Amino acid sequence: MAEPPDASGAAVAEALGLPGAPTAAEYSDVFLFQLYPYASVHLGPEGMMGGDARERIAGFWRALGLTPPAEPDHLAALLGLYASLAERERVVDDPAERTLLRQGRAALMDEHLTPWVFGFLDRVEELASGAYAGWAGLLTKTLLSELSARDDARAVSAHLRDAPPLPDPRREGGEDFLAGLLAPVRCGAILTRADLAAVARDLGLGLRAGERRYALESLLAQDAARVLRALSREVGRQGRGHHLRAATLGPSASALARRAAEASRLLSSLADEAARTVESLETEESEGGEHARQEAGAQ
C-alpha cells in the first residue's frame, strides 16, 4: 500500500477490508506531494531523502547479514523486513537464533520505525481518504499490537538523540531555521504542502507554487507574525499527539513531544517579536505622518 498501486492493489485493499481501492492519483497526492514514505525524510536533520539517516538504516540491514535494497529506508522495505524477521523467528528451532531475531525485530521497531511512522500515519489519516486513510489506521493498530506484546525496556532512538533541535533564527540565521522547520526530527512535526495551503487560506494570503521552502518563505514575507503563530499552533497540535502516544511508544515519542513543544514555543516567541516590530513601524509611520501634517498646517 505504500508503493505505487498496480493491478493487485484492489485485491489487497479488499482483503484488508479497506474502503475502496487505491488509485494512482490518490497515491501521488499522498506520497509524492504531501507525505514521503521514507524514514530518512523524517529522521534526518536535513528533512530530505538520503543522508546519514539512510546510511544508518542501510547499516542495520547489513548488521542483520542482509544486502540493503536500493531504498533501504522506504516504508515498504522496512515493513517487509520486519515481517520477514517475525516469520523467521516463528520457524527457527535454535533458541539462540530465535532470540537474535526477536532482538533484531525490536531494534528495527524502536530505532527506525517508532520514531516517525506513527506521526506519519496520523498525517496520512488526516490528509488522505478511502483506502489510504483506512490503511494508515489499520497499520497503526497492527504496529501498536506488536509493541503491546513486548515487555522489554526501550531507549530513545539514535536518530532523535543525535539530531539538533530547531535553531533560533535570531542566533543561527533564517536559512537554518527554515531548513529545521521542514525537518520533522528537528521540530517534532510534519509540515506538508496542505498545511501551508491551509495557513494561506485561513489568513487570506497568497500561496506560492513550488517546493515547501519557497512557499513558506513567501508566506512569512507577507505576514510573518500571523504565519508563525499558525505554525506554532500546528506544531503544538502534533506534539500533543506524540505526548498521548508516549505511554505506549516509550521514550522516542516523549522526545518528539518535547521537541515539538520547544519548537512551538520558539515559533510563538518569534511571532510575538514580529508583531511588536510591525506595531513599532506602524507607530513610527503614523507619528511621521502626523508630524508632516503639522508642518504643512504651520506653513
C-alpha atoms as a PDB file:
ATOM      1  CA  MET A   1       0.000   0.000   0.000  1.00  0.00           C
ATOM      2  CA  ALA A   2       2.972   2.357   0.438  1.00  0.00           C
ATOM      3  CA  GLU A   3       4.141   1.668  -3.114  1.00  0.00           C
ATOM      4  CA  PRO A   4       2.568   2.830  -6.405  1.00  0.00           C
ATOM      5  CA  PRO A   5      -0.659   0.879  -6.953  1.00  0.00           C
ATOM      6  CA  ASP A   6      -0.733  -1.861  -9.551  1.00  0.00           C
ATOM      7  CA  ALA A   7      -3.296  -4.435 -10.658  1.00  0.00           C
ATOM      8  CA  SER A   8      -3.138  -6.202  -7.294  1.00  0.00           C
ATOM      9  CA  GLY A   9      -3.972  -3.050  -5.312  1.00  0.00           C
ATOM     10  CA  ALA A  10      -7.736  -3.538  -5.391  1.00  0.00           C
ATOM     11  CA  ALA A  11      -7.445  -7.171  -4.270  1.00  0.00           C
ATOM     12  CA  VAL A  12      -5.129  -6.229  -1.404  1.00  0.00           C
ATOM     13  CA  ALA A  13      -7.452  -3.427  -0.284  1.00  0.00           C
ATOM     14  CA  GLU A  14     -10.449  -5.770  -0.407  1.00  0.00           C
ATOM     15  CA  ALA A  15      -8.590  -8.463   1.554  1.00  0.00           C
ATOM     16  CA  LEU A  16      -7.742  -5.901   4.228  1.00  0.00           C
ATOM     17  CA  GLY A  17     -11.315  -4.631   4.373  1.00  0.00           C
ATOM     18  CA  LEU A  18     -10.339  -1.123   3.302  1.00  0.00           C
ATOM     19  CA  PRO A  19     -12.868   1.344   1.907  1.00  0.00           C
ATOM     20  CA  GLY A  20     -12.338   1.417  -1.845  1.00  0.00           C
ATOM     21  CA  ALA A  21      -9.236   0.653  -3.855  1.00  0.00           C
ATOM     22  CA  PRO A  22      -6.026   2.688  -4.107  1.00  0.00           C
ATOM     23  CA  THR A  23      -5.629   4.816  -7.223  1.00  0.00           C
ATOM     24  CA  ALA A  24      -2.589   6.349  -8.892  1.00  0.00           C
ATOM     25  CA  ALA A  25      -3.985   9.857  -8.386  1.00  0.00           C
ATOM     26  CA  GLU A  26      -4.502   9.318  -4.649  1.00  0.00           C
ATOM     27  CA  TYR A  27      -1.090   7.724  -4.302  1.00  0.00           C
ATOM     28  CA  SER A  28       0.579  10.693  -5.993  1.00  0.00           C
ATOM     29  CA  ASP A  29      -1.270  13.227  -3.862  1.00  0.00           C
ATOM     30  CA  VAL A  30      -0.452  11.478  -0.583  1.00  0.00           C
ATOM     31  CA  PHE A  31       3.015  10.008  -1.072  1.00  0.00           C
ATOM     32  CA  LEU A  32       4.594  12.175  -3.775  1.00  0.00           C
ATOM     33  CA  PHE A  33       3.242  15.630  -2.900  1.00  0.00           C
ATOM     34  CA  GLN A  34       2.451  15.544   0.830  1.00  0.00           C
ATOM     35  CA  LEU A  35       3.975  12.727   2.873  1.00  0.00           C
ATOM     36  CA  TYR A  36       7.120  10.963   1.709  1.00  0.00           C
ATOM     37  CA  PRO A  37       7.248   7.313   2.878  1.00  0.00           C
ATOM     38  CA  TYR A  38      10.996   7.378   3.529  1.00  0.00           C
ATOM     39  CA  ALA A  39      12.401   7.176   7.039  1.00  0.00           C
ATOM     40  CA  SER A  40      15.340   9.426   6.126  1.00  0.00           C
ATOM     41  CA  VAL A  41      12.972  12.331   5.372  1.00  0.00           C
ATOM     42  CA  HIS A  42      11.542  12.092   8.876  1.00  0.00           C
ATOM     43  CA  LEU A  43      14.664  11.083  10.803  1.00  0.00           C
ATOM     44  CA  GLY A  44      17.417  13.017   9.034  1.00  0.00           C
ATOM     45  CA  PRO A  45      18.262  16.548  10.225  1.00  0.00           C
ATOM     46  CA  GLU A  46      18.126  17.716   6.597  1.00  0.00           C
ATOM     47  CA  GLY A  47      14.492  16.615   6.220  1.00  0.00           C
ATOM     48  CA  MET A  48      15.377  15.072   2.851  1.00  0.00           C
ATOM     49  CA  MET A  49      15.798  11.611   1.372  1.00  0.00           C
ATOM     50  CA  GLY A  50      19.197  10.027   1.825  1.00  0.00           C
ATOM     51  CA  GLY A  51      21.942  11.355   4.045  1.00  0.00           C
ATOM     52  CA  ASP A  52      23.232   9.859   7.276  1.00  0.00           C
ATOM     53  CA  ALA A  53      19.784   8.602   8.284  1.00  0.00           C
ATOM     54  CA  ARG A  54      19.515   6.390   5.208  1.00  0.00           C
ATOM     55  CA  GLU A  55      23.078   5.165   5.647  1.00  0.00           C
ATOM     56  CA  ARG A  56      22.382   4.301   9.285  1.00  0.00           C
ATOM     57  CA  ILE A  57      19.353   2.269   8.213  1.00  0.00           C
ATOM     58  CA  ALA A  58      21.353   0.558   5.453  1.00  0.00           C
ATOM     59  CA  GLY A  59      23.909  -0.344   8.122  1.00  0.00           C
ATOM     60  CA  PHE A  60      21.137  -2.008  10.108  1.00  0.00           C
ATOM     61  CA  TRP A  61      20.326  -4.225   7.117  1.00  0.00           C
ATOM     62  CA  ARG A  62      23.987  -5.160   6.856  1.00  0.00           C
ATOM     63  CA  ALA A  63      24.180  -5.886  10.590  1.00  0.00           C
ATOM     64  CA  LEU A  64      21.449  -8.477  10.028  1.00  0.00           C
ATOM     65  CA  GLY A  65      23.583 -10.105   7.334  1.00  0.00           C
ATOM     66  CA  LEU A  66      21.402  -8.744   4.515  1.00  0.00           C
ATOM     67  CA  THR A  67      22.199  -6.691   1.437  1.00  0.00           C
ATOM     68  CA  PRO A  68      20.341  -3.371   1.681  1.00  0.00           C
ATOM     69  CA  PRO A  69      17.843  -2.745  -1.136  1.00  0.00           C
ATOM     70  CA  ALA A  70      18.128   0.334  -3.333  1.00  0.00           C
ATOM     71  CA  GLU A  71      15.833   2.235  -0.951  1.00  0.00           C
ATOM     72  CA  PRO A  72      16.540   0.682   2.462  1.00  0.00           C
ATOM     73  CA  ASP A  73      14.556   3.367   4.317  1.00  0.00           C
ATOM     74  CA  HIS A  74      11.337   3.138   2.281  1.00  0.00           C
ATOM     75  CA  LEU A  75       8.389   2.223   4.487  1.00  0.00           C
ATOM     76  CA  ALA A  76       7.530  -0.778   2.325  1.00  0.00           C
ATOM     77  CA  ALA A  77      11.093  -2.106   2.675  1.00  0.00           C
ATOM     78  CA  LEU A  78      11.122  -1.607   6.452  1.00  0.00           C
ATOM     79  CA  LEU A  79       7.744  -3.259   6.945  1.00  0.00           C
ATOM     80  CA  GLY A  80       8.795  -6.139   4.706  1.00  0.00           C
ATOM     81  CA  LEU A  81      11.972  -6.565   6.732  1.00  0.00           C
ATOM     82  CA  TYR A  82      10.032  -6.522   9.984  1.00  0.00           C
ATOM     83  CA  ALA A  83       7.604  -9.156   8.668  1.00  0.00           C
ATOM     84  CA  SER A  84      10.427 -11.393   7.412  1.00  0.00           C
ATOM     85  CA  LEU A  85      12.157 -11.274  10.803  1.00  0.00           C
ATOM     86  CA  ALA A  86       8.905 -12.238  12.519  1.00  0.00           C
ATOM     87  CA  GLU A  87       8.338 -15.117  10.100  1.00  0.00           C
ATOM     88  CA  ARG A  88      11.865 -16.460  10.568  1.00  0.00           C
ATOM     89  CA  GLU A  89      11.526 -16.172  14.335  1.00  0.00           C
ATOM     90  CA  ARG A  90       8.437 -18.379  14.247  1.00  0.00           C
ATOM     91  CA  VAL A  91      10.048 -21.195  12.274  1.00  0.00           C
ATOM     92  CA  VAL A  92      13.640 -21.466  13.560  1.00  0.00           C
ATOM     93  CA  ASP A  93      14.402 -24.232  16.050  1.00  0.00           C
ATOM     94  CA  ASP A  94      17.545 -22.805  17.629  1.00  0.00           C
ATOM     95  CA  PRO A  95      16.613 -20.772  20.764  1.00  0.00           C
ATOM     96  CA  ALA A  96      19.687 -18.534  20.415  1.00  0.00           C
ATOM     97  CA  GLU A  97      18.865 -17.669  16.810  1.00  0.00           C
ATOM     98  CA  ARG A  98      15.252 -17.063  17.763  1.00  0.00           C
ATOM     99  CA  THR A  99      16.398 -14.635  20.454  1.00  0.00           C
ATOM    100  CA  LEU A 100      18.609 -12.766  17.989  1.00  0.00           C
ATOM    101  CA  LEU A 101      15.751 -12.445  15.517  1.00  0.00           C
ATOM    102  CA  ARG A 102      13.451 -11.140  18.241  1.00  0.00           C
ATOM    103  CA  GLN A 103      16.061  -8.594  19.300  1.00  0.00           C
ATOM    104  CA  GLY A 104      16.598  -7.529  15.696  1.00  0.00           C
ATOM    105  CA  ARG A 105      12.875  -7.045  15.199  1.00  0.00           C
ATOM    106  CA  ALA A 106      12.638  -4.959  18.382  1.00  0.00           C
ATOM    107  CA  ALA A 107      15.630  -2.841  17.339  1.00  0.00           C
ATOM    108  CA  LEU A 108      14.085  -2.220  13.923  1.00  0.00           C
ATOM    109  CA  MET A 109      10.865  -1.069  15.526  1.00  0.00           C
ATOM    110  CA  ASP A 110      12.472   1.134  18.184  1.00  0.00           C
ATOM    111  CA  GLU A 111      15.244   2.678  16.097  1.00  0.00           C
ATOM    112  CA  HIS A 112      13.849   3.018  12.607  1.00  0.00           C
ATOM    113  CA  LEU A 113      10.025   2.822  12.768  1.00  0.00           C
ATOM    114  CA  THR A 114       8.611   4.097  16.064  1.00  0.00           C
ATOM    115  CA  PRO A 115      10.403   7.486  15.908  1.00  0.00           C
ATOM    116  CA  TRP A 116       8.493   8.507  12.791  1.00  0.00           C
ATOM    117  CA  VAL A 117       5.914   6.076  11.485  1.00  0.00           C
ATOM    118  CA  PHE A 118       3.091   6.786  13.960  1.00  0.00           C
ATOM    119  CA  GLY A 119       3.194  10.537  13.379  1.00  0.00           C
ATOM    120  CA  PHE A 120       3.416   9.851   9.646  1.00  0.00           C
ATOM    121  CA  LEU A 121       0.384   7.542   9.716  1.00  0.00           C
ATOM    122  CA  ASP A 122      -1.578  10.116  11.718  1.00  0.00           C
ATOM    123  CA  ARG A 123      -0.986  12.628   8.941  1.00  0.00           C
ATOM    124  CA  VAL A 124      -1.962  10.095   6.259  1.00  0.00           C
ATOM    125  CA  GLU A 125      -5.286   9.572   8.040  1.00  0.00           C
ATOM    126  CA  GLU A 126      -5.789  13.344   8.204  1.00  0.00           C
ATOM    127  CA  LEU A 127      -4.868  14.156   4.608  1.00  0.00           C
ATOM    128  CA  ALA A 128      -5.951  11.048   2.687  1.00  0.00           C
ATOM    129  CA  SER A 129      -9.293   9.374   2.230  1.00  0.00           C
ATOM    130  CA  GLY A 130     -10.671   5.985   1.260  1.00  0.00           C
ATOM    131  CA  ALA A 131      -8.211   3.131   1.013  1.00  0.00           C
ATOM    132  CA  TYR A 132      -5.143   5.073   2.114  1.00  0.00           C
ATOM    133  CA  ALA A 133      -6.762   6.527   5.227  1.00  0.00           C
ATOM    134  CA  GLY A 134      -8.077   3.075   6.100  1.00  0.00           C
ATOM    135  CA  TRP A 135      -4.654   1.532   5.509  1.00  0.00           C
ATOM    136  CA  ALA A 136      -2.981   4.072   7.799  1.00  0.00           C
ATOM    137  CA  GLY A 137      -5.431   3.306  10.608  1.00  0.00           C
ATOM    138  CA  LEU A 138      -5.019  -0.443  10.168  1.00  0.00           C
ATOM    139  CA  LEU A 139      -1.227  -0.249  10.112  1.00  0.00           C
ATOM    140  CA  THR A 140      -1.235   1.897  13.251  1.00  0.00           C
ATOM    141  CA  LYS A 141      -3.310  -0.707  15.091  1.00  0.00           C
ATOM    142  CA  THR A 142      -1.092  -3.523  13.819  1.00  0.00           C
ATOM    143  CA  LEU A 143       2.144  -1.878  14.945  1.00  0.00           C
ATOM    144  CA  LEU A 144       0.646  -0.926  18.312  1.00  0.00           C
ATOM    145  CA  SER A 145      -0.339  -4.564  18.760  1.00  0.00           C
ATOM    146  CA  GLU A 146       3.267  -5.563  18.077  1.00  0.00           C
ATOM    147  CA  LEU A 147       4.514  -3.111  20.680  1.00  0.00           C
ATOM    148  CA  SER A 148       1.976  -4.185  23.300  1.00  0.00           C
ATOM    149  CA  ALA A 149       3.242  -7.780  23.057  1.00  0.00           C
ATOM    150  CA  ARG A 150       6.690  -6.715  24.279  1.00  0.00           C
ATOM    151  CA  ASP A 151       7.841  -6.175  27.847  1.00  0.00           C
ATOM    152  CA  ASP A 152      11.442  -5.093  27.254  1.00  0.00           C
ATOM    153  CA  ALA A 153      12.914  -1.682  28.030  1.00  0.00           C
ATOM    154  CA  ARG A 154      13.180   0.894  25.256  1.00  0.00           C
ATOM    155  CA  ALA A 155      15.605   3.740  24.679  1.00  0.00           C
ATOM    156  CA  VAL A 156      15.416   6.922  22.639  1.00  0.00           C
ATOM    157  CA  SER A 157      16.290   6.284  19.003  1.00  0.00           C
ATOM    158  CA  ALA A 158      19.781   7.368  17.957  1.00  0.00           C
ATOM    159  CA  HIS A 159      18.172   9.353  15.147  1.00  0.00           C
ATOM    160  CA  LEU A 160      16.378  11.534  17.697  1.00  0.00           C
ATOM    161  CA  ARG A 161      19.243  11.618  20.146  1.00  0.00           C
ATOM    162  CA  ASP A 162      21.720  12.894  17.550  1.00  0.00           C
ATOM    163  CA  ALA A 163      19.514  15.378  15.669  1.00  0.00           C
ATOM    164  CA  PRO A 164      19.847  19.053  16.674  1.00  0.00           C
ATOM    165  CA  PRO A 165      16.725  20.946  17.736  1.00  0.00           C
ATOM    166  CA  LEU A 166      15.010  23.660  15.716  1.00  0.00           C
ATOM    167  CA  PRO A 167      17.503  26.583  15.589  1.00  0.00           C
ATOM    168  CA  ASP A 168      16.587  30.077  16.745  1.00  0.00           C
ATOM    169  CA  PRO A 169      16.917  32.367  13.688  1.00  0.00           C
ATOM    170  CA  ARG A 170      17.898  35.268  15.946  1.00  0.00           C
ATOM    171  CA  ARG A 171      21.124  33.437  16.759  1.00  0.00           C
ATOM    172  CA  GLU A 172      21.689  30.987  13.907  1.00  0.00           C
ATOM    173  CA  GLY A 173      20.124  32.705  10.922  1.00  0.00           C
ATOM    174  CA  GLY A 174      16.969  32.290   8.878  1.00  0.00           C
ATOM    175  CA  GLU A 175      18.324  29.682   6.463  1.00  0.00           C
ATOM    176  CA  ASP A 176      18.986  27.104   9.178  1.00  0.00           C
ATOM    177  CA  PHE A 177      15.686  27.945  10.840  1.00  0.00           C
ATOM    178  CA  LEU A 178      13.631  27.297   7.707  1.00  0.00           C
ATOM    179  CA  ALA A 179      15.509  24.078   6.979  1.00  0.00           C
ATOM    180  CA  GLY A 180      14.930  22.876  10.536  1.00  0.00           C
ATOM    181  CA  LEU A 181      11.258  23.755  10.452  1.00  0.00           C
ATOM    182  CA  LEU A 182      10.785  21.420   7.482  1.00  0.00           C
ATOM    183  CA  ALA A 183      12.753  18.568   9.108  1.00  0.00           C
ATOM    184  CA  PRO A 184      10.349  16.545  11.317  1.00  0.00           C
ATOM    185  CA  VAL A 185      13.091  15.184  13.568  1.00  0.00           C
ATOM    186  CA  ARG A 186      14.121  18.759  14.476  1.00  0.00           C
ATOM    187  CA  CYS A 187      10.742  20.401  15.042  1.00  0.00           C
ATOM    188  CA  GLY A 188       8.702  17.348  16.098  1.00  0.00           C
ATOM    189  CA  ALA A 189       6.055  17.862  13.399  1.00  0.00           C
ATOM    190  CA  ILE A 190       5.442  17.067   9.735  1.00  0.00           C
ATOM    191  CA  LEU A 191       4.542  20.259   7.876  1.00  0.00           C
ATOM    192  CA  THR A 192       3.067  19.458   4.483  1.00  0.00           C
ATOM    193  CA  ARG A 193       2.058  21.455   1.435  1.00  0.00           C
ATOM    194  CA  ALA A 194      -1.533  21.034   2.583  1.00  0.00           C
ATOM    195  CA  ASP A 195      -0.665  22.652   5.916  1.00  0.00           C
ATOM    196  CA  LEU A 196       0.894  25.660   4.210  1.00  0.00           C
ATOM    197  CA  ALA A 197      -2.104  25.926   1.889  1.00  0.00           C
ATOM    198  CA  ALA A 198      -4.409  25.908   4.910  1.00  0.00           C
ATOM    199  CA  VAL A 199      -2.372  28.679   6.572  1.00  0.00           C
ATOM    200  CA  ALA A 200      -2.574  30.776   3.399  1.00  0.00           C
ATOM    201  CA  ARG A 201      -6.304  30.189   3.063  1.00  0.00           C
ATOM    202  CA  ASP A 202      -7.107  30.899   6.716  1.00  0.00           C
ATOM    203  CA  LEU A 203      -5.037  34.096   6.777  1.00  0.00           C
ATOM    204  CA  GLY A 204      -6.075  35.328   3.339  1.00  0.00           C
ATOM    205  CA  LEU A 205      -2.527  35.193   1.953  1.00  0.00           C
ATOM    206  CA  GLY A 206      -1.180  34.167  -1.415  1.00  0.00           C
ATOM    207  CA  LEU A 207       0.422  30.738  -1.712  1.00  0.00           C
ATOM    208  CA  ARG A 208       3.466  30.470  -3.949  1.00  0.00           C
ATOM    209  CA  ALA A 209       3.578  27.358  -6.110  1.00  0.00           C
ATOM    210  CA  GLY A 210       6.574  25.088  -5.830  1.00  0.00           C
ATOM    211  CA  GLU A 211       8.510  23.472  -3.023  1.00  0.00           C
ATOM    212  CA  ARG A 212       7.520  23.936   0.607  1.00  0.00           C
ATOM    213  CA  ARG A 213      10.598  26.048   1.354  1.00  0.00           C
ATOM    214  CA  TYR A 214       9.675  28.695  -1.216  1.00  0.00           C
ATOM    215  CA  ALA A 215       6.001  28.646  -0.229  1.00  0.00           C
ATOM    216  CA  LEU A 216       6.955  29.116   3.423  1.00  0.00           C
ATOM    217  CA  GLU A 217       9.332  31.971   2.641  1.00  0.00           C
ATOM    218  CA  SER A 218       6.597  33.692   0.648  1.00  0.00           C
ATOM    219  CA  LEU A 219       4.063  33.341   3.452  1.00  0.00           C
ATOM    220  CA  LEU A 220       6.490  34.727   6.034  1.00  0.00           C
ATOM    221  CA  ALA A 221       7.279  37.685   3.771  1.00  0.00           C
ATOM    222  CA  GLN A 222       3.577  38.542   3.585  1.00  0.00           C
ATOM    223  CA  ASP A 223       2.712  38.330   7.296  1.00  0.00           C
ATOM    224  CA  ALA A 224       5.409  36.818   9.494  1.00  0.00           C
ATOM    225  CA  ALA A 225       3.610  37.282  12.808  1.00  0.00           C
ATOM    226  CA  ARG A 226       0.379  35.519  11.873  1.00  0.00           C
ATOM    227  CA  VAL A 227       2.104  32.784   9.868  1.00  0.00           C
ATOM    228  CA  LEU A 228       4.478  31.986  12.724  1.00  0.00           C
ATOM    229  CA  ARG A 229       1.532  31.911  15.120  1.00  0.00           C
ATOM    230  CA  ALA A 230      -0.353  29.477  12.889  1.00  0.00           C
ATOM    231  CA  LEU A 231       2.706  27.238  12.558  1.00  0.00           C
ATOM    232  CA  SER A 232       3.159  27.301  16.337  1.00  0.00           C
ATOM    233  CA  ARG A 233      -0.382  26.007  16.766  1.00  0.00           C
ATOM    234  CA  GLU A 234       0.099  23.219  14.214  1.00  0.00           C
ATOM    235  CA  VAL A 235       3.431  22.079  15.651  1.00  0.00           C
ATOM    236  CA  GLY A 236       1.935  22.142  19.138  1.00  0.00           C
ATOM    237  CA  ARG A 237      -1.039  20.099  17.972  1.00  0.00           C
ATOM    238  CA  GLN A 238       1.172  17.396  16.521  1.00  0.00           C
ATOM    239  CA  GLY A 239       3.321  17.468  19.642  1.00  0.00           C
ATOM    240  CA  ARG A 240       0.288  16.706  21.782  1.00  0.00           C
ATOM    241  CA  GLY A 241      -0.292  13.657  19.594  1.00  0.00           C
ATOM    242  CA  HIS A 242       3.219  12.437  20.413  1.00  0.00           C
ATOM    243  CA  HIS A 243       2.549  13.053  24.094  1.00  0.00           C
ATOM    244  CA  LEU A 244      -0.617  10.964  24.017  1.00  0.00           C
ATOM    245  CA  ARG A 245       1.295   8.078  22.445  1.00  0.00           C
ATOM    246  CA  ALA A 246       4.246   8.257  24.832  1.00  0.00           C
ATOM    247  CA  ALA A 247       2.811   5.796  27.359  1.00  0.00           C
ATOM    248  CA  THR A 248       2.570   3.174  24.612  1.00  0.00           C
ATOM    249  CA  LEU A 249       5.512   4.018  22.381  1.00  0.00           C
ATOM    250  CA  GLY A 250       8.061   4.940  25.026  1.00  0.00           C
ATOM    251  CA  PRO A 251      10.986   7.397  25.112  1.00  0.00           C
ATOM    252  CA  SER A 252      11.084   8.260  21.410  1.00  0.00           C
ATOM    253  CA  ALA A 253       7.509   9.575  21.480  1.00  0.00           C
ATOM    254  CA  SER A 254       8.313  11.551  24.631  1.00  0.00           C
ATOM    255  CA  ALA A 255      11.392  13.024  22.936  1.00  0.00           C
ATOM    256  CA  LEU A 256       9.328  14.075  19.917  1.00  0.00           C
ATOM    257  CA  ALA A 257       6.685  15.605  22.190  1.00  0.00           C
ATOM    258  CA  ARG A 258       9.352  17.684  23.954  1.00  0.00           C
ATOM    259  CA  ARG A 259      10.909  18.743  20.672  1.00  0.00           C
ATOM    260  CA  ALA A 260       7.534  19.836  19.276  1.00  0.00           C
ATOM    261  CA  ALA A 261       6.721  21.746  22.479  1.00  0.00           C
ATOM    262  CA  GLU A 262      10.058  23.572  22.296  1.00  0.00           C
ATOM    263  CA  ALA A 263       9.561  24.379  18.623  1.00  0.00           C
ATOM    264  CA  SER A 264       6.026  25.622  19.258  1.00  0.00           C
ATOM    265  CA  ARG A 265       7.278  27.951  21.994  1.00  0.00           C
ATOM    266  CA  LEU A 266      10.042  29.273  19.741  1.00  0.00           C
ATOM    267  CA  LEU A 267       7.566  29.941  16.928  1.00  0.00           C
ATOM    268  CA  SER A 268       5.234  31.717  19.347  1.00  0.00           C
ATOM    269  CA  SER A 269       8.099  33.879  20.636  1.00  0.00           C
ATOM    270  CA  LEU A 270       9.124  34.771  17.099  1.00  0.00           C
ATOM    271  CA  ALA A 271       5.507  35.630  16.280  1.00  0.00           C
ATOM    272  CA  ASP A 272       5.321  37.980  19.271  1.00  0.00           C
ATOM    273  CA  GLU A 273       8.551  39.678  18.223  1.00  0.00           C
ATOM    274  CA  ALA A 274       7.386  40.050  14.629  1.00  0.00           C
ATOM    275  CA  ALA A 275       4.088  41.551  15.793  1.00  0.00           C
ATOM    276  CA  ARG A 276       5.909  44.077  18.002  1.00  0.00           C
ATOM    277  CA  THR A 277       8.155  45.053  15.098  1.00  0.00           C
ATOM    278  CA  VAL A 278       5.160  45.669  12.831  1.00  0.00           C
ATOM    279  CA  GLU A 279       3.400  47.663  15.557  1.00  0.00           C
ATOM    280  CA  SER A 280       6.513  49.777  16.099  1.00  0.00           C
ATOM    281  CA  LEU A 281       6.843  50.503  12.374  1.00  0.00           C
ATOM    282  CA  GLU A 282       3.178  51.410  12.125  1.00  0.00           C
ATOM    283  CA  THR A 283       3.543  53.773  15.082  1.00  0.00           C
ATOM    284  CA  GLU A 284       6.591  55.442  13.501  1.00  0.00           C
ATOM    285  CA  GLU A 285       4.744  55.840  10.217  1.00  0.00           C
ATOM    286  CA  SER A 286       1.715  57.270  11.989  1.00  0.00           C
ATOM    287  CA  GLU A 287       3.800  59.708  14.006  1.00  0.00           C
ATOM    288  CA  GLY A 288       5.766  60.668  10.908  1.00  0.00           C
ATOM    289  CA  GLY A 289       2.571  61.337   9.019  1.00  0.00           C
ATOM    290  CA  GLU A 290       1.150  63.438  11.837  1.00  0.00           C
ATOM    291  CA  HIS A 291       4.375  65.444  12.035  1.00  0.00           C
ATOM    292  CA  ALA A 292       4.243  66.076   8.291  1.00  0.00           C
ATOM    293  CA  ARG A 293       0.638  67.234   8.547  1.00  0.00           C
ATOM    294  CA  GLN A 294       1.511  69.605  11.383  1.00  0.00           C
ATOM    295  CA  GLU A 295       4.366  71.110   9.384  1.00  0.00           C
ATOM    296  CA  ALA A 296       2.107  71.535   6.374  1.00  0.00           C
ATOM    297  CA  GLY A 297      -0.509  73.248   8.540  1.00  0.00           C
ATOM    298  CA  ALA A 298       2.070  75.617  10.005  1.00  0.00           C
ATOM    299  CA  GLN A 299       3.227  76.579   6.554  1.00  0.00           C
END
